Protein backbone atom coordinates (compact mmCIF):
# COMPACT_ATOMS: atom_id res chain seq x y z
CA MET A 1 22.35 2.82 -9.82
CA THR A 2 19.90 5.14 -8.03
CA LYS A 3 21.04 8.74 -7.88
CA GLN A 4 20.57 10.38 -4.48
CA LEU A 5 19.03 13.84 -4.35
CA THR A 6 20.23 16.18 -1.59
CA ILE A 7 17.85 18.85 -0.27
CA LYS A 8 19.30 21.53 2.04
CA ARG A 9 17.07 23.21 4.62
CA ASP A 10 18.09 26.02 6.96
CA VAL A 11 15.52 27.99 8.96
CA SER A 12 18.14 29.43 11.32
CA SER A 13 19.81 31.81 8.86
CA PRO A 14 18.68 35.38 9.50
CA LYS A 15 16.81 36.85 6.56
CA LYS A 16 17.86 40.27 5.30
CA THR A 17 14.27 41.43 5.72
CA ASN A 18 11.08 40.02 7.18
CA VAL A 19 9.48 40.10 3.75
CA LEU A 20 8.09 36.81 2.48
CA THR A 21 10.02 35.34 -0.45
CA GLU A 22 8.79 32.71 -2.88
CA GLN A 23 10.47 30.47 -5.42
CA VAL A 24 9.65 27.43 -7.54
CA ARG A 25 12.34 24.81 -8.13
CA GLU A 26 11.97 21.93 -10.55
CA ILE A 27 14.40 19.02 -10.26
CA ALA A 28 14.49 16.19 -12.77
CA ILE A 29 16.52 12.99 -12.50
CA PRO A 30 16.16 11.37 -15.95
CA GLN A 31 17.99 8.14 -15.10
CA ASN A 32 15.50 7.52 -12.28
CA GLN A 33 12.53 8.92 -14.20
CA ALA A 34 11.91 11.25 -11.27
CA THR A 35 10.53 14.80 -11.24
CA PHE A 36 10.16 17.07 -8.22
CA VAL A 37 8.57 20.53 -8.24
CA PHE A 38 9.12 22.48 -5.01
CA ASN A 39 7.07 25.59 -4.30
CA GLU A 40 8.84 27.29 -1.40
CA LYS A 41 7.80 30.23 0.75
CA SER A 42 10.05 31.57 3.50
CA PHE A 43 10.07 34.39 6.02
CA GLU A 44 12.01 34.96 9.24
CA SER A 45 12.32 31.47 10.85
CA VAL A 46 9.67 29.70 8.76
CA GLU A 47 9.70 27.69 5.55
CA VAL A 48 6.58 26.37 3.83
CA ILE A 49 7.38 23.75 1.19
CA SER A 50 4.82 22.24 -1.16
CA CYS A 51 6.18 19.46 -3.37
CA ASP A 52 4.54 17.71 -6.33
CA TYR A 53 6.45 14.75 -7.65
CA SER A 54 6.27 11.68 -9.87
CA LEU A 55 8.42 8.56 -9.57
CA VAL A 56 8.62 5.44 -11.70
CA LYS A 57 10.86 3.75 -9.13
CA SER A 58 12.04 4.45 -5.59
CA GLN A 59 14.07 7.61 -5.08
CA ASP A 60 16.49 8.38 -2.25
CA LEU A 61 16.49 11.88 -0.79
CA LEU A 62 19.03 13.21 1.70
CA ILE A 63 17.50 16.01 3.77
CA ASP A 64 20.33 18.15 5.16
CA VAL A 65 18.87 20.21 8.02
CA ARG A 66 21.01 22.97 9.49
CA ASP A 67 20.59 23.86 13.16
CA ASP A 68 17.41 22.88 15.05
CA ALA A 69 14.10 22.66 13.22
CA LEU A 70 10.61 21.33 13.81
CA LYS A 71 8.96 19.83 10.75
CA MET A 72 5.18 19.64 10.34
CA HIS A 73 4.64 17.07 7.58
CA PHE A 74 1.43 16.44 5.64
CA ARG A 75 1.53 13.58 3.13
CA LEU A 76 -1.36 14.22 0.71
CA SER A 77 -0.48 11.39 -1.68
CA GLY A 78 2.36 8.91 -2.06
CA GLU A 79 4.38 7.06 0.59
CA SER A 80 7.88 7.30 2.05
CA ASN A 81 10.15 6.07 4.85
CA CYS A 82 12.63 8.19 6.81
CA TYR A 83 15.86 6.73 8.20
CA CYS A 84 17.47 8.76 10.99
CA ASP A 85 20.84 7.49 12.17
CA GLU A 86 20.56 4.55 14.56
CA GLN A 87 17.02 5.40 15.64
CA GLY A 88 15.28 3.33 12.97
CA ALA A 89 12.68 4.12 10.34
CA PHE A 90 9.61 6.32 10.34
CA GLY A 91 6.94 5.74 7.70
CA LEU A 92 4.34 8.07 6.19
CA LYS A 93 1.42 6.98 4.02
CA SER A 94 -0.97 8.93 1.86
CA GLY A 95 -3.39 11.01 3.92
CA GLN A 96 -1.25 11.09 7.07
CA HIS A 97 0.46 13.82 9.07
CA SER A 98 3.22 13.87 11.65
CA LEU A 99 5.69 16.02 13.58
CA MET A 100 9.47 15.60 13.47
CA PHE A 101 12.44 17.38 15.03
CA HIS A 102 15.92 17.48 13.49
CA ASN A 103 19.07 18.84 15.11
CA ASN A 104 21.77 19.83 12.61
CA CYS A 105 21.78 16.46 10.88
CA GLU A 106 21.02 14.53 7.73
CA THR A 107 17.97 12.34 7.21
CA LYS A 108 17.66 9.76 4.49
CA VAL A 109 14.20 9.51 2.94
CA VAL A 110 13.18 6.73 0.57
CA MET A 111 10.30 7.85 -1.64
CA ASP A 112 8.13 5.03 -3.00
CA PRO A 113 7.05 4.96 -6.68
CA THR A 114 3.80 6.77 -7.45
CA GLN A 115 0.90 5.44 -9.49
CA ASN A 116 -0.33 8.97 -9.99
CA LYS A 117 1.43 12.08 -8.74
CA GLY A 118 2.69 12.36 -5.18
CA LYS A 119 2.32 15.46 -3.05
CA PHE A 120 3.39 16.60 0.39
CA ILE A 121 3.47 19.85 2.31
CA GLU A 122 6.06 20.60 4.98
CA ILE A 123 6.28 23.51 7.37
CA MET A 124 9.62 24.02 9.11
CA LEU A 125 10.03 26.20 12.20
CA SER A 126 13.24 27.18 13.97
CA ARG A 127 13.70 26.13 17.60
CA ASN A 128 13.14 29.57 19.07
CA LEU A 129 9.83 29.76 17.24
CA PHE A 130 8.40 26.30 17.96
CA GLU A 131 9.49 26.52 21.61
CA ARG A 132 7.03 29.39 22.00
CA PHE A 133 4.28 27.04 20.81
CA PHE A 134 5.36 24.11 22.98
CA GLU A 135 6.57 25.46 26.34
CA GLN A 136 3.09 26.27 27.69
CA GLY A 137 1.30 23.58 25.69
CA ASN A 138 -0.46 20.31 26.44
CA ASP A 139 1.17 17.14 27.80
CA PHE A 140 2.22 15.96 24.35
CA GLN A 141 3.96 19.26 23.57
CA LYS A 142 5.84 19.27 26.85
CA ARG A 143 7.04 15.67 26.40
CA PHE A 144 8.04 16.33 22.79
CA LEU A 145 9.99 19.45 23.74
CA GLU A 146 11.83 17.58 26.50
CA GLN A 147 12.93 14.95 23.96
CA THR A 148 14.33 17.62 21.63
CA ASN A 149 16.86 18.51 24.31
CA LEU A 150 18.15 14.92 24.40
CA LYS A 151 18.15 13.64 20.82
CA LYS A 152 19.11 14.68 17.31
CA HIS A 153 15.87 13.23 15.93
CA VAL A 154 12.48 13.16 17.59
CA TRP A 155 9.26 12.01 15.95
CA THR A 156 5.84 10.85 17.03
CA ASP A 157 5.32 7.14 17.63
CA ARG A 158 2.77 6.98 14.81
CA SER A 159 1.35 9.05 11.98
CA LEU A 160 -2.25 10.21 12.15
CA GLN A 161 -4.94 10.72 9.54
CA ILE A 162 -5.14 14.21 8.09
CA THR A 163 -8.49 15.67 9.17
CA PRO A 164 -10.90 17.65 6.98
CA GLU A 165 -10.03 20.82 8.94
CA MET A 166 -6.34 20.30 8.20
CA LEU A 167 -7.08 19.79 4.51
CA TRP A 168 -9.06 23.03 4.38
CA LEU A 169 -6.21 24.94 6.01
CA LEU A 170 -3.60 23.38 3.69
CA SER A 171 -5.77 24.23 0.69
CA ASP A 172 -6.16 27.82 1.88
CA MET A 173 -2.39 28.14 2.22
CA GLN A 174 -1.93 27.26 -1.45
CA LYS A 175 -4.19 30.09 -2.62
CA ASP A 176 -2.80 33.47 -3.63
CA THR A 177 -5.35 35.31 -1.51
CA TYR A 178 -2.97 38.04 -0.40
CA THR A 179 0.42 39.48 -1.33
CA GLY A 180 3.36 40.94 0.52
CA ASN A 181 3.15 41.39 4.28
CA LEU A 182 -0.54 40.46 4.38
CA LYS A 183 0.32 37.09 2.86
CA LYS A 184 2.96 36.50 5.53
CA LEU A 185 0.47 37.31 8.29
CA TYR A 186 -2.11 35.08 6.62
CA LEU A 187 0.32 32.14 6.48
CA GLU A 188 1.34 32.67 10.11
CA ALA A 189 -2.31 32.43 11.16
CA LYS A 190 -2.91 29.24 9.14
CA ILE A 191 0.29 27.62 10.46
CA THR A 192 -0.79 28.37 14.03
CA GLU A 193 -4.17 26.72 13.39
CA LEU A 194 -2.52 23.68 11.85
CA MET A 195 -0.12 23.37 14.77
CA LEU A 196 -2.98 23.45 17.27
CA LEU A 197 -4.86 20.74 15.36
CA GLN A 198 -1.77 18.54 15.18
CA VAL A 199 -0.74 18.76 18.84
CA ASP A 200 -4.33 18.28 20.04
CA ALA A 201 -4.63 15.14 17.91
CA PHE A 202 -1.35 13.69 19.22
CA ASP A 203 -2.21 14.61 22.79
CA THR A 204 -5.47 12.71 22.45
CA ILE A 205 -3.91 9.46 21.25
CA ASN A 206 -0.94 9.62 23.62
CA ASN A 207 -3.04 10.09 26.73
CA PRO A 208 -4.20 6.63 27.87
CA ASN A 209 -7.10 8.20 29.79
CA LYS A 210 -8.54 9.48 26.54
CA LEU A 211 -8.21 6.80 23.86
CA SER A 212 -6.43 3.46 23.76
CA THR A 213 -4.65 2.23 20.65
CA GLN A 214 -7.50 -0.23 20.03
CA ASP A 215 -10.08 2.54 20.38
CA LEU A 216 -8.14 4.70 17.94
CA ASP A 217 -8.02 1.87 15.38
CA LYS A 218 -11.80 1.45 15.73
CA ILE A 219 -12.34 5.17 15.19
CA GLN A 220 -10.13 5.08 12.09
CA TYR A 221 -12.23 2.13 10.84
CA THR A 222 -15.39 4.17 11.48
CA LYS A 223 -14.10 6.81 9.06
CA THR A 224 -13.52 4.10 6.44
CA LEU A 225 -17.04 2.72 6.92
CA ILE A 226 -18.54 6.18 6.43
CA GLU A 227 -16.61 6.63 3.17
CA GLN A 228 -17.67 3.20 1.93
CA ASN A 229 -21.37 3.75 2.62
CA ILE A 230 -22.16 7.24 1.34
CA GLN A 231 -25.10 5.88 -0.73
CA SER A 232 -26.73 4.38 2.36
CA PRO A 233 -25.22 6.08 5.41
CA LEU A 234 -24.96 3.99 8.55
CA THR A 235 -26.50 5.34 11.75
CA ILE A 236 -24.30 5.97 14.77
CA GLN A 237 -25.89 2.91 16.35
CA GLN A 238 -24.97 0.79 13.31
CA LEU A 239 -21.42 2.18 13.24
CA SER A 240 -21.10 1.48 16.95
CA GLY A 241 -22.09 -2.15 16.41
CA GLU A 242 -19.80 -2.57 13.37
CA VAL A 243 -16.65 -1.28 15.07
CA GLY A 244 -17.39 -2.57 18.59
CA LEU A 245 -17.28 0.74 20.43
CA ASN A 246 -20.09 2.20 22.52
CA MET A 247 -21.86 5.20 21.01
CA LYS A 248 -20.62 7.77 23.54
CA LYS A 249 -16.96 6.81 23.17
CA LEU A 250 -17.36 6.57 19.39
CA THR A 251 -18.88 10.03 18.97
CA THR A 252 -16.56 11.81 21.39
CA GLY A 253 -13.51 9.92 20.09
CA PHE A 254 -14.34 10.64 16.44
CA LYS A 255 -14.70 14.34 17.25
CA ALA A 256 -11.39 14.36 19.14
CA VAL A 257 -9.41 12.61 16.40
CA PHE A 258 -10.92 14.26 13.30
CA GLN A 259 -12.14 17.57 14.78
CA THR A 260 -15.57 17.03 13.22
CA THR A 261 -18.68 15.06 14.14
CA ILE A 262 -19.75 11.81 12.49
CA PHE A 263 -22.78 13.56 11.00
CA GLU A 264 -20.71 16.46 9.64
CA TYR A 265 -18.13 14.13 8.09
CA THR A 266 -20.82 11.90 6.54
CA ASN A 267 -22.57 14.93 5.08
CA LYS A 268 -19.30 16.33 3.74
CA GLN A 269 -18.53 13.06 1.92
CA ARG A 270 -22.03 12.86 0.41
CA MET A 271 -22.02 16.48 -0.74
CA ALA A 272 -18.56 16.11 -2.28
CA GLU A 273 -19.76 13.06 -4.23
CA ALA A 274 -22.92 14.89 -5.30
CA LYS A 275 -20.87 17.80 -6.62
CA ARG A 276 -18.55 15.43 -8.49
CA LEU A 277 -21.46 13.64 -10.15
CA LEU A 278 -23.10 16.90 -11.18
CA LEU A 279 -19.96 18.58 -12.51
CA ASP A 280 -17.80 15.74 -13.81
CA GLN A 281 -20.33 13.05 -14.72
CA LYS A 282 -23.08 15.48 -15.82
CA TRP A 283 -25.76 13.56 -13.98
CA TYR A 284 -29.25 14.98 -13.56
CA VAL A 285 -30.33 16.17 -10.11
CA GLY A 286 -32.82 13.30 -9.80
CA GLU A 287 -30.14 10.74 -10.66
CA VAL A 288 -27.79 12.08 -7.99
CA SER A 289 -30.63 12.15 -5.45
CA ASP A 290 -31.49 8.50 -6.14
CA TYR A 291 -27.85 7.40 -6.11
CA LEU A 292 -27.24 8.99 -2.71
CA GLY A 293 -30.38 7.45 -1.23
CA TYR A 294 -32.53 10.54 -0.69
CA LYS A 295 -36.28 9.97 -0.45
CA ASN A 296 -36.92 12.50 -3.19
CA PRO A 297 -35.03 15.18 -5.17
CA GLN A 298 -36.50 17.95 -3.03
CA HIS A 299 -34.83 16.60 0.12
CA PHE A 300 -31.54 16.36 -1.76
CA THR A 301 -31.90 19.91 -3.13
CA VAL A 302 -32.49 21.34 0.35
CA ALA A 303 -29.45 19.51 1.76
CA PHE A 304 -27.24 20.55 -1.16
CA LYS A 305 -28.25 24.22 -0.97
CA LYS A 306 -27.70 24.29 2.78
CA TYR A 307 -24.17 22.93 2.33
CA TYR A 308 -22.99 24.83 -0.79
CA GLY A 309 -25.33 27.84 -0.75
CA SER A 310 -26.48 27.10 -4.30
CA LEU A 311 -29.05 24.85 -5.93
CA PRO A 312 -27.67 21.65 -7.48
CA SER A 313 -29.21 22.67 -10.82
CA GLN A 314 -26.93 25.73 -10.88
CA PHE A 315 -23.86 23.46 -10.89
CA LYS A 316 -24.94 22.09 -14.24
CA ASP A 317 -25.11 25.43 -16.02
């Protein structure tokens, strides 16, 4: 029989001080071969939760949320489904993000088994805090806020792909760059940036005058094509023909959804692969240049130095 794990969350309780507190909790369920490691940071009406976990079989979680809370969820790896009363299920896959609202209620979450380790990051904000973000916001924010006054659970109608900018911000939040009050201010700034990226992305897909569902699917497919062709990058014209979207709508839509251009994203993927081959596979510079389709090693070296600020040969030392 699967043992259910209950996680209590309460961002409404007044803290004794405004000082940021941190704790690490490790929870093991031997009979389910499940391990969860929660790294939790909290201050005032904010909680930042990073969770690394491993599961051999499905695991049920019961998230007990006190008072009103907005949840910014970023699923970095692994998959799960949320079940909220009579309102049905809400799924999250690896590499997706979403927004959810809970009003003094319990949410059942079914975590799928992981091949490798699973990871997610959640940021929870109290109502009085997220209302300040949403009241004067875009159309999506206003509609979302209206729904929170009517229902115990509110979530977006779909999950979106986590963008490179979001990943950079999430990565920065995990670093111990500052301590004490400076760290709290640093996290507040990063959370604000993440919130803006999320609501802009959802406003784009929920506004029919911007992108249709079909257009969005084609833009998501464009991202996949870029990742599958880093050795021989496709031109914008080729991508346009492959996905069936005109070049103007493709370029502007890609920028709106992923907050980066097609060229920038293609270059980022190629440089990340180059770095991996140099560091992990110990390839020579010429081998990496040939693999990635550069005309000669000099062209590759110039591109690499422009992106990383160092010569590729220095990564082999």
